[in-house]
């Protein structure tokens, strides 16, 4: 069983593996919820996808609460 803090770190690690270390600038967790029915953590986050990016991207990520694997990552619209 992983904690909420571990789930957020898994999400950041996931996006760093996808976008690279410079592709997750100003990473910020907006919400963290434990979904007991689905046995997962729901993490919403935003970050700048590159050094010169002017717009943040946002995601809602579902993390398995047993093993910490990413079940789903869905991009959402971010309004500044």
Protein backbone atom coordinates (compact mmCIF):
# COMPACT_ATOMS: atom_id res chain seq x y z
CA UNK A 1 0.00 0.00 0.00
CA UNK A 2 1.43 3.38 -0.95
CA UNK A 3 0.76 6.75 0.70
CA UNK A 4 -0.55 9.87 -1.00
CA UNK A 5 2.92 11.40 -0.92
CA UNK A 6 4.36 8.34 -2.66
CA UNK A 7 1.58 8.52 -5.28
CA UNK A 8 2.46 12.14 -6.12
CA UNK A 9 6.14 11.24 -6.44
CA UNK A 10 5.21 8.37 -8.79
CA UNK A 11 3.26 10.85 -10.94
CA UNK A 12 6.20 13.26 -11.14
CA UNK A 13 8.60 10.40 -11.95
CA UNK A 14 6.21 9.23 -14.67
CA UNK A 15 6.09 12.62 -16.38
CA UNK A 16 9.87 13.04 -16.08
CA UNK A 17 10.30 9.69 -17.85
CA UNK A 18 7.90 10.79 -20.62
CA UNK A 19 8.97 14.45 -21.08
CA UNK A 20 12.49 14.46 -19.64
CA UNK A 21 13.77 16.34 -16.60
CA UNK A 22 13.33 19.72 -18.34
CA UNK A 23 9.81 18.82 -19.41
CA UNK A 24 8.26 18.99 -15.94
CA UNK A 25 8.94 22.56 -14.87
CA UNK A 26 7.08 24.01 -11.86
CA UNK A 27 5.30 20.70 -11.17
CA UNK A 28 2.38 21.32 -8.84
CA UNK A 29 -0.17 18.95 -7.32
CA UNK A 30 -3.62 20.53 -7.23
CA UNK A 31 -5.66 17.76 -5.64
CA UNK A 32 -5.01 14.34 -4.16
CA UNK A 33 -7.91 12.00 -3.41
CA UNK A 34 -8.03 8.38 -2.32
CA UNK A 35 -10.63 6.46 -4.33
CA UNK A 36 -11.29 3.48 -2.09
CA UNK A 37 -13.84 1.90 -4.43
CA UNK A 38 -11.31 1.74 -7.29
CA UNK A 39 -8.29 1.11 -5.01
CA UNK A 40 -6.40 4.09 -6.44
CA UNK A 41 -5.13 7.59 -5.80
CA UNK A 42 -6.49 10.34 -8.06
CA UNK A 43 -3.84 13.04 -8.52
CA UNK A 44 -4.46 16.25 -10.48
CA UNK A 45 -1.35 18.21 -11.38
CA UNK A 46 0.00 20.91 -13.66
CA UNK A 47 3.42 21.78 -15.06
CA UNK A 48 5.14 23.55 -17.94
CA UNK A 49 6.05 20.94 -20.59
CA UNK A 50 9.26 22.68 -21.71
CA UNK A 51 11.63 25.51 -20.82
CA UNK A 52 10.02 28.00 -23.22
CA UNK A 53 6.40 26.96 -22.64
CA UNK A 54 3.95 29.75 -21.91
CA UNK A 55 0.99 27.57 -20.99
CA UNK A 56 0.77 24.94 -18.27
CA UNK A 57 -0.57 21.49 -19.07
CA UNK A 58 -2.79 19.68 -16.61
CA UNK A 59 -3.41 16.01 -15.98
CA UNK A 60 -5.59 13.81 -13.85
CA UNK A 61 -3.63 10.66 -13.08
CA UNK A 62 -4.91 7.47 -11.50
CA UNK A 63 -2.27 5.62 -9.45
CA UNK A 64 -2.79 2.08 -8.17
CA UNK A 65 -2.73 2.30 -4.36
CA UNK A 66 -1.26 -1.19 -4.00
CA UNK A 67 1.81 -1.12 -6.26
CA UNK A 68 2.07 2.55 -7.32
CA UNK A 69 1.67 1.88 -11.03
CA UNK A 70 0.08 4.51 -13.27
CA UNK A 71 -3.32 3.24 -14.37
CA UNK A 72 -4.38 6.24 -16.47
CA UNK A 73 -3.19 9.76 -17.29
CA UNK A 74 -5.71 12.14 -18.86
CA UNK A 75 -4.83 15.62 -20.08
CA UNK A 76 -7.23 18.38 -18.97
CA UNK A 77 -7.57 22.04 -19.90
CA UNK A 78 -5.78 24.45 -17.58
CA UNK A 79 -7.02 28.03 -17.26
CA UNK A 80 -4.51 30.54 -15.93
